């Protein structure tokens, strides 16, 4: 029996690492060993984000709302991350 929810699962497909680990030790398992979970279903949809770069662009005023504090927070986060 295995636990597919690792602490490093930041994205949904990171949980598939369980199956990778289970496959890596397959030769060490008893032939009648029960593996739980024993299956997974992966659904995939192709998408295109033409303007995704704009997520980091400052907005200033949007729909009449001053979102400059959010702009500053994002910039500080980027500065911290890039350093």
PDB file of N, CA and C in Angstrom:
ATOM      1  N   UNK A   1       0.852  -1.174   0.000  1.00  0.00           N
ATOM      2  CA  UNK A   1       0.000   0.000   0.000  1.00  0.00           C
ATOM      3  C   UNK A   1       0.893   1.230   0.000  1.00  0.00           C
ATOM      4  N   UNK A   2       0.538   2.193  -0.783  1.00  0.00           N
ATOM      5  CA  UNK A   2       1.340   3.404  -0.863  1.00  0.00           C
ATOM      6  C   UNK A   2       0.486   4.642  -0.688  1.00  0.00           C
ATOM      7  N   UNK A   3       1.123   5.720  -0.372  1.00  0.00           N
ATOM      8  CA  UNK A   3       0.450   7.002  -0.204  1.00  0.00           C
ATOM      9  C   UNK A   3       0.838   7.893  -1.376  1.00  0.00           C
ATOM     10  N   UNK A   4      -0.102   8.228  -2.251  1.00  0.00           N
ATOM     11  CA  UNK A   4       0.250   8.999  -3.445  1.00  0.00           C
ATOM     12  C   UNK A   4       0.384  10.499  -3.208  1.00  0.00           C
ATOM     13  N   UNK A   5       0.047  10.976  -2.015  1.00  0.00           N
ATOM     14  CA  UNK A   5       0.060  12.414  -1.772  1.00  0.00           C
ATOM     15  C   UNK A   5       1.337  12.805  -1.051  1.00  0.00           C
ATOM     16  N   UNK A   6       2.368  13.093  -1.820  1.00  0.00           N
ATOM     17  CA  UNK A   6       3.645  13.474  -1.246  1.00  0.00           C
ATOM     18  C   UNK A   6       3.605  14.936  -0.829  1.00  0.00           C
ATOM     19  N   UNK A   7       4.452  15.316   0.104  1.00  0.00           N
ATOM     20  CA  UNK A   7       4.460  16.701   0.583  1.00  0.00           C
ATOM     21  C   UNK A   7       4.957  17.668  -0.486  1.00  0.00           C
ATOM     22  N   UNK A   8       5.590  17.150  -1.536  1.00  0.00           N
ATOM     23  CA  UNK A   8       6.091  18.018  -2.600  1.00  0.00           C
ATOM     24  C   UNK A   8       5.118  18.147  -3.760  1.00  0.00           C
ATOM     25  N   UNK A   9       3.890  17.686  -3.599  1.00  0.00           N
ATOM     26  CA  UNK A   9       2.903  17.738  -4.674  1.00  0.00           C
ATOM     27  C   UNK A   9       2.341  19.154  -4.804  1.00  0.00           C
ATOM     28  N   UNK A  10       3.008  19.967  -5.594  1.00  0.00           N
ATOM     29  CA  UNK A  10       2.553  21.324  -5.810  1.00  0.00           C
ATOM     30  C   UNK A  10       1.549  21.401  -6.949  1.00  0.00           C
ATOM     31  N   UNK A  11       1.704  20.548  -7.918  1.00  0.00           N
ATOM     32  CA  UNK A  11       0.815  20.506  -9.073  1.00  0.00           C
ATOM     33  C   UNK A  11       0.157  19.134  -9.133  1.00  0.00           C
ATOM     34  N   UNK A  12      -1.013  19.022  -9.719  1.00  0.00           N
ATOM     35  CA  UNK A  12      -1.733  17.746  -9.702  1.00  0.00           C
ATOM     36  C   UNK A  12      -0.927  16.557 -10.229  1.00  0.00           C
ATOM     37  N   UNK A  13      -0.123  16.765 -11.250  1.00  0.00           N
ATOM     38  CA  UNK A  13       0.605  15.633 -11.825  1.00  0.00           C
ATOM     39  C   UNK A  13       1.809  15.217 -10.991  1.00  0.00           C
ATOM     40  N   UNK A  14       2.164  15.973  -9.967  1.00  0.00           N
ATOM     41  CA  UNK A  14       3.260  15.557  -9.087  1.00  0.00           C
ATOM     42  C   UNK A  14       2.900  14.285  -8.316  1.00  0.00           C
ATOM     43  N   UNK A  15       1.607  14.050  -8.105  1.00  0.00           N
ATOM     44  CA  UNK A  15       1.195  12.833  -7.404  1.00  0.00           C
ATOM     45  C   UNK A  15       1.483  11.586  -8.229  1.00  0.00           C
ATOM     46  N   UNK A  16       1.680  11.739  -9.520  1.00  0.00           N
ATOM     47  CA  UNK A  16       2.048  10.585 -10.350  1.00  0.00           C
ATOM     48  C   UNK A  16       3.453  10.097 -10.029  1.00  0.00           C
ATOM     49  N   UNK A  17       4.201  10.855  -9.254  1.00  0.00           N
ATOM     50  CA  UNK A  17       5.530  10.422  -8.810  1.00  0.00           C
ATOM     51  C   UNK A  17       5.427   9.114  -8.022  1.00  0.00           C
ATOM     52  N   UNK A  18       4.294   8.912  -7.340  1.00  0.00           N
ATOM     53  CA  UNK A  18       4.068   7.648  -6.636  1.00  0.00           C
ATOM     54  C   UNK A  18       4.217   6.471  -7.584  1.00  0.00           C
ATOM     55  N   UNK A  19       3.599   6.576  -8.751  1.00  0.00           N
ATOM     56  CA  UNK A  19       3.663   5.467  -9.705  1.00  0.00           C
ATOM     57  C   UNK A  19       5.083   5.280 -10.228  1.00  0.00           C
ATOM     58  N   UNK A  20       5.806   6.355 -10.403  1.00  0.00           N
ATOM     59  CA  UNK A  20       7.210   6.262 -10.815  1.00  0.00           C
ATOM     60  C   UNK A  20       8.012   5.520  -9.746  1.00  0.00           C
ATOM     61  N   UNK A  21       7.815   5.877  -8.479  1.00  0.00           N
ATOM     62  CA  UNK A  21       8.534   5.207  -7.383  1.00  0.00           C
ATOM     63  C   UNK A  21       8.146   3.738  -7.307  1.00  0.00           C
ATOM     64  N   UNK A  22       6.864   3.456  -7.446  1.00  0.00           N
ATOM     65  CA  UNK A  22       6.405   2.069  -7.387  1.00  0.00           C
ATOM     66  C   UNK A  22       7.009   1.246  -8.521  1.00  0.00           C
ATOM     67  N   UNK A  23       7.118   1.814  -9.693  1.00  0.00           N
ATOM     68  CA  UNK A  23       7.719   1.127 -10.830  1.00  0.00           C
ATOM     69  C   UNK A  23       9.208   0.885 -10.590  1.00  0.00           C
ATOM     70  N   UNK A  24       9.865   1.830  -9.948  1.00  0.00           N
ATOM     71  CA  UNK A  24      11.297   1.708  -9.685  1.00  0.00           C
ATOM     72  C   UNK A  24      11.609   0.543  -8.746  1.00  0.00           C
ATOM     73  N   UNK A  25      10.678   0.214  -7.840  1.00  0.00           N
ATOM     74  CA  UNK A  25      10.927  -0.878  -6.890  1.00  0.00           C
ATOM     75  C   UNK A  25      10.143  -2.133  -7.244  1.00  0.00           C
ATOM     76  N   UNK A  26       9.600  -2.202  -8.435  1.00  0.00           N
ATOM     77  CA  UNK A  26       8.750  -3.332  -8.845  1.00  0.00           C
ATOM     78  C   UNK A  26       9.461  -4.666  -8.695  1.00  0.00           C
ATOM     79  N   UNK A  27      10.745  -4.737  -8.998  1.00  0.00           N
ATOM     80  CA  UNK A  27      11.472  -6.010  -8.918  1.00  0.00           C
ATOM     81  C   UNK A  27      11.674  -6.464  -7.477  1.00  0.00           C
ATOM     82  N   UNK A  28      11.486  -5.567  -6.507  1.00  0.00           N
ATOM     83  CA  UNK A  28      11.639  -5.928  -5.102  1.00  0.00           C
ATOM     84  C   UNK A  28      10.325  -6.387  -4.463  1.00  0.00           C
ATOM     85  N   UNK A  29       9.219  -6.162  -5.152  1.00  0.00           N
ATOM     86  CA  UNK A  29       7.911  -6.514  -4.609  1.00  0.00           C
ATOM     87  C   UNK A  29       7.578  -7.977  -4.845  1.00  0.00           C
ATOM     88  N   UNK A  30       6.817  -8.538  -3.927  1.00  0.00           N
ATOM     89  CA  UNK A  30       6.319  -9.909  -4.079  1.00  0.00           C
ATOM     90  C   UNK A  30       5.369  -9.932  -5.274  1.00  0.00           C
ATOM     91  N   UNK A  31       5.367 -10.990  -6.076  1.00  0.00           N
ATOM     92  CA  UNK A  31       4.484 -11.037  -7.251  1.00  0.00           C
ATOM     93  C   UNK A  31       3.002 -10.846  -6.930  1.00  0.00           C
ATOM     94  N   UNK A  32       2.566 -11.238  -5.740  1.00  0.00           N
ATOM     95  CA  UNK A  32       1.162 -11.091  -5.362  1.00  0.00           C
ATOM     96  C   UNK A  32       0.911  -9.840  -4.510  1.00  0.00           C
ATOM     97  N   UNK A  33       1.859  -8.929  -4.470  1.00  0.00           N
ATOM     98  CA  UNK A  33       1.700  -7.714  -3.660  1.00  0.00           C
ATOM     99  C   UNK A  33       0.539  -6.878  -4.191  1.00  0.00           C
ATOM    100  N   UNK A  34      -0.235  -6.348  -3.272  1.00  0.00           N
ATOM    101  CA  UNK A  34      -1.340  -5.472  -3.643  1.00  0.00           C
ATOM    102  C   UNK A  34      -0.854  -4.035  -3.563  1.00  0.00           C
ATOM    103  N   UNK A  35      -0.997  -3.321  -4.655  1.00  0.00           N
ATOM    104  CA  UNK A  35      -0.573  -1.928  -4.718  1.00  0.00           C
ATOM    105  C   UNK A  35      -1.823  -1.056  -4.725  1.00  0.00           C
ATOM    106  N   UNK A  36      -1.918  -0.177  -3.749  1.00  0.00           N
ATOM    107  CA  UNK A  36      -3.021   0.766  -3.685  1.00  0.00           C
ATOM    108  C   UNK A  36      -2.449   2.166  -3.614  1.00  0.00           C
ATOM    109  N   UNK A  37      -2.813   3.057  -4.421  1.00  0.00           N
ATOM    110  CA  UNK A  37      -3.789   2.922  -5.494  1.00  0.00           C
ATOM    111  C   UNK A  37      -3.218   2.089  -6.641  1.00  0.00           C
ATOM    112  N   UNK A  38      -4.074   1.406  -7.345  1.00  0.00           N
ATOM    113  CA  UNK A  38      -3.630   0.518  -8.418  1.00  0.00           C
ATOM    114  C   UNK A  38      -3.842   1.104  -9.808  1.00  0.00           C
ATOM    115  N   UNK A  39      -4.471   2.273  -9.892  1.00  0.00           N
ATOM    116  CA  UNK A  39      -4.711   2.891 -11.201  1.00  0.00           C
ATOM    117  C   UNK A  39      -4.840   4.398 -11.040  1.00  0.00           C
ATOM    118  N   UNK A  40      -4.698   5.081 -12.149  1.00  0.00           N
ATOM    119  CA  UNK A  40      -4.877   6.531 -12.168  1.00  0.00           C
ATOM    120  C   UNK A  40      -5.417   6.922 -13.532  1.00  0.00           C
ATOM    121  N   UNK A  41      -6.118   8.014 -13.562  1.00  0.00           N
ATOM    122  CA  UNK A  41      -6.621   8.560 -14.818  1.00  0.00           C
ATOM    123  C   UNK A  41      -6.091   9.974 -14.950  1.00  0.00           C
ATOM    124  N   UNK A  42      -5.518  10.258 -16.085  1.00  0.00           N
ATOM    125  CA  UNK A  42      -4.956  11.573 -16.335  1.00  0.00           C
ATOM    126  C   UNK A  42      -5.712  12.202 -17.500  1.00  0.00           C
ATOM    127  N   UNK A  43      -6.345  13.331 -17.230  1.00  0.00           N
ATOM    128  CA  UNK A  43      -7.061  14.070 -18.267  1.00  0.00           C
ATOM    129  C   UNK A  43      -6.214  15.268 -18.659  1.00  0.00           C
ATOM    130  N   UNK A  44      -6.066  15.491 -19.949  1.00  0.00           N
ATOM    131  CA  UNK A  44      -5.203  16.556 -20.440  1.00  0.00           C
ATOM    132  C   UNK A  44      -5.973  17.417 -21.440  1.00  0.00           C
ATOM    133  N   UNK A  45      -5.784  18.709 -21.340  1.00  0.00           N
ATOM    134  CA  UNK A  45      -6.367  19.645 -22.286  1.00  0.00           C
ATOM    135  C   UNK A  45      -5.262  20.592 -22.729  1.00  0.00           C
ATOM    136  N   UNK A  46      -5.081  20.716 -24.019  1.00  0.00           N
ATOM    137  CA  UNK A  46      -4.084  21.646 -24.544  1.00  0.00           C
ATOM    138  C   UNK A  46      -4.649  23.058 -24.505  1.00  0.00           C
ATOM    139  N   UNK A  47      -3.848  23.980 -23.997  1.00  0.00           N
ATOM    140  CA  UNK A  47      -4.270  25.380 -23.932  1.00  0.00           C
ATOM    141  C   UNK A  47      -3.135  26.268 -24.423  1.00  0.00           C
ATOM    142  N   UNK A  48      -3.503  27.454 -24.849  1.00  0.00           N
ATOM    143  CA  UNK A  48      -2.514  28.435 -25.283  1.00  0.00           C
ATOM    144  C   UNK A  48      -2.768  29.727 -24.521  1.00  0.00           C
ATOM    145  N   UNK A  49      -1.737  30.231 -23.859  1.00  0.00           N
ATOM    146  CA  UNK A  49      -1.828  31.474 -23.120  1.00  0.00           C
ATOM    147  C   UNK A  49      -0.991  32.522 -23.843  1.00  0.00           C
ATOM    148  N   UNK A  50      -1.606  33.213 -24.788  1.00  0.00           N
ATOM    149  CA  UNK A  50      -0.869  34.200 -25.578  1.00  0.00           C
ATOM    150  C   UNK A  50      -0.394  35.377 -24.741  1.00  0.00           C
ATOM    151  N   UNK A  51      -1.175  35.772 -23.760  1.00  0.00           N
ATOM    152  CA  UNK A  51      -0.853  36.960 -22.979  1.00  0.00           C
ATOM    153  C   UNK A  51      -0.481  36.642 -21.539  1.00  0.00           C
ATOM    154  N   UNK A  52       0.017  35.454 -21.287  1.00  0.00           N
ATOM    155  CA  UNK A  52       0.350  35.071 -19.923  1.00  0.00           C
ATOM    156  C   UNK A  52       1.438  35.956 -19.324  1.00  0.00           C
ATOM    157  N   UNK A  53       2.324  36.487 -20.142  1.00  0.00           N
ATOM    158  CA  UNK A  53       3.383  37.353 -19.641  1.00  0.00           C
ATOM    159  C   UNK A  53       2.804  38.580 -18.937  1.00  0.00           C
ATOM    160  N   UNK A  54       1.593  38.946 -19.278  1.00  0.00           N
ATOM    161  CA  UNK A  54       0.983  40.147 -18.694  1.00  0.00           C
ATOM    162  C   UNK A  54       0.610  39.968 -17.229  1.00  0.00           C
ATOM    163  N   UNK A  55       0.672  38.754 -16.715  1.00  0.00           N
ATOM    164  CA  UNK A  55       0.336  38.524 -15.318  1.00  0.00           C
ATOM    165  C   UNK A  55       1.295  39.289 -14.399  1.00  0.00           C
ATOM    166  N   UNK A  56       2.481  39.582 -14.896  1.00  0.00           N
ATOM    167  CA  UNK A  56       3.467  40.322 -14.106  1.00  0.00           C
ATOM    168  C   UNK A  56       3.487  41.808 -14.439  1.00  0.00           C
ATOM    169  N   UNK A  57       2.756  42.219 -15.442  1.00  0.00           N
ATOM    170  CA  UNK A  57       2.732  43.623 -15.837  1.00  0.00           C
ATOM    171  C   UNK A  57       1.881  44.417 -14.857  1.00  0.00           C
ATOM    172  N   UNK A  58       2.327  45.599 -14.459  1.00  0.00           N
ATOM    173  CA  UNK A  58       1.534  46.410 -13.528  1.00  0.00           C
ATOM    174  C   UNK A  58       0.227  46.877 -14.183  1.00  0.00           C
ATOM    175  N   UNK A  59      -0.837  46.933 -13.381  1.00  0.00           N
ATOM    176  CA  UNK A  59      -2.157  47.345 -13.876  1.00  0.00           C
ATOM    177  C   UNK A  59      -2.431  48.815 -13.608  1.00  0.00           C
ATOM    178  N   UNK A  60      -2.011  49.307 -12.438  1.00  0.00           N
ATOM    179  CA  UNK A  60      -2.328  50.686 -12.076  1.00  0.00           C
ATOM    180  C   UNK A  60      -3.783  50.793 -11.677  1.00  0.00           C
ATOM    181  N   UNK A  61      -4.604  51.287 -12.584  1.00  0.00           N
ATOM    182  CA  UNK A  61      -6.041  51.398 -12.340  1.00  0.00           C
ATOM    183  C   UNK A  61      -6.762  50.456 -13.304  1.00  0.00           C
ATOM    184  N   UNK A  62      -7.635  49.646 -12.747  1.00  0.00           N
ATOM    185  CA  UNK A  62      -8.354  48.665 -13.556  1.00  0.00           C
ATOM    186  C   UNK A  62      -9.834  48.750 -13.232  1.00  0.00           C
ATOM    187  N   UNK A  63     -10.657  49.022 -14.234  1.00  0.00           N
ATOM    188  CA  UNK A  63     -12.107  49.133 -14.061  1.00  0.00           C
ATOM    189  C   UNK A  63     -12.461  50.131 -12.961  1.00  0.00           C
ATOM    190  N   UNK A  64     -11.667  51.202 -12.841  1.00  0.00           N
ATOM    191  CA  UNK A  64     -11.939  52.234 -11.849  1.00  0.00           C
ATOM    192  C   UNK A  64     -11.367  51.959 -10.470  1.00  0.00           C
ATOM    193  N   UNK A  65     -10.686  50.827 -10.290  1.00  0.00           N
ATOM    194  CA  UNK A  65     -10.096  50.476  -9.005  1.00  0.00           C
ATOM    195  C   UNK A  65      -8.585  50.657  -9.065  1.00  0.00           C
ATOM    196  N   UNK A  66      -8.029  51.269  -8.034  1.00  0.00           N
ATOM    197  CA  UNK A  66      -6.579  51.441  -7.941  1.00  0.00           C
ATOM    198  C   UNK A  66      -5.984  50.154  -7.374  1.00  0.00           C
ATOM    199  N   UNK A  67      -5.319  49.403  -8.216  1.00  0.00           N
ATOM    200  CA  UNK A  67      -4.711  48.138  -7.788  1.00  0.00           C
ATOM    201  C   UNK A  67      -3.192  48.260  -7.680  1.00  0.00           C
ATOM    202  N   UNK A  68      -2.699  49.499  -7.523  1.00  0.00           N
ATOM    203  CA  UNK A  68      -1.254  49.700  -7.415  1.00  0.00           C
ATOM    204  C   UNK A  68      -0.648  48.992  -6.198  1.00  0.00           C
ATOM    205  N   UNK A  69      -1.356  48.855  -5.049  1.00  0.00           N
ATOM    206  CA  UNK A  69      -0.769  48.068  -3.954  1.00  0.00           C
ATOM    207  C   UNK A  69      -0.490  46.613  -4.369  1.00  0.00           C
ATOM    208  N   UNK A  70      -1.383  46.054  -5.177  1.00  0.00           N
ATOM    209  CA  UNK A  70      -1.170  44.696  -5.684  1.00  0.00           C
ATOM    210  C   UNK A  70       0.023  44.672  -6.640  1.00  0.00           C
ATOM    211  N   UNK A  71       0.140  45.701  -7.475  1.00  0.00           N
ATOM    212  CA  UNK A  71       1.285  45.800  -8.379  1.00  0.00           C
ATOM    213  C   UNK A  71       2.591  45.815  -7.590  1.00  0.00           C
ATOM    214  N   UNK A  72       2.613  46.601  -6.505  1.00  0.00           N
ATOM    215  CA  UNK A  72       3.821  46.691  -5.674  1.00  0.00           C
ATOM    216  C   UNK A  72       4.128  45.358  -5.007  1.00  0.00           C
ATOM    217  N   UNK A  73       3.087  44.668  -4.540  1.00  0.00           N
ATOM    218  CA  UNK A  73       3.279  43.371  -3.900  1.00  0.00           C
ATOM    219  C   UNK A  73       3.862  42.359  -4.891  1.00  0.00           C
ATOM    220  N   UNK A  74       3.346  42.364  -6.104  1.00  0.00           N
ATOM    221  CA  UNK A  74       3.847  41.439  -7.127  1.00  0.00           C
ATOM    222  C   UNK A  74       5.304  41.769  -7.457  1.00  0.00           C
ATOM    223  N   UNK A  75       5.628  43.058  -7.587  1.00  0.00           N
ATOM    224  CA  UNK A  75       6.996  43.445  -7.902  1.00  0.00           C
ATOM    225  C   UNK A  75       7.946  43.054  -6.779  1.00  0.00           C
ATOM    226  N   UNK A  76       7.535  43.253  -5.523  1.00  0.00           N
ATOM    227  CA  UNK A  76       8.374  42.852  -4.397  1.00  0.00           C
ATOM    228  C   UNK A  76       8.587  41.345  -4.386  1.00  0.00           C
ATOM    229  N   UNK A  77       7.542  40.603  -4.709  1.00  0.00           N
ATOM    230  CA  UNK A  77       7.661  39.160  -4.770  1.00  0.00           C
ATOM    231  C   UNK A  77       8.633  38.747  -5.874  1.00  0.00           C
ATOM    232  N   UNK A  78       8.554  39.393  -7.038  1.00  0.00           N
ATOM    233  CA  UNK A  78       9.460  39.086  -8.136  1.00  0.00           C
ATOM    234  C   UNK A  78      10.896  39.436  -7.773  1.00  0.00           C
ATOM    235  N   UNK A  79      11.095  40.591  -7.106  1.00  0.00           N
ATOM    236  CA  UNK A  79      12.433  40.978  -6.688  1.00  0.00           C
ATOM    237  C   UNK A  79      13.030  39.976  -5.722  1.00  0.00           C
ATOM    238  N   UNK A  80      12.219  39.514  -4.780  1.00  0.00           N
ATOM    239  CA  UNK A  80      12.669  38.531  -3.800  1.00  0.00           C
ATOM    240  C   UNK A  80      13.002  37.214  -4.478  1.00  0.00           C
ATOM    241  N   UNK A  81      12.141  36.782  -5.372  1.00  0.00           N
ATOM    242  CA  UNK A  81      12.300  35.484  -6.056  1.00  0.00           C
ATOM    243  C   UNK A  81      13.520  35.508  -6.970  1.00  0.00           C
ATOM    244  N   UNK A  82      13.728  36.591  -7.691  1.00  0.00           N
ATOM    245  CA  UNK A  82      14.831  36.659  -8.650  1.00  0.00           C
ATOM    246  C   UNK A  82      16.179  36.868  -7.974  1.00  0.00           C
ATOM    247  N   UNK A  83      16.182  37.352  -6.744  1.00  0.00           N
ATOM    248  CA  UNK A  83      17.454  37.547  -6.051  1.00  0.00           C
ATOM    249  C   UNK A  83      17.960  36.225  -5.549  1.00  0.00           C
TER     250      UNK A  83
END
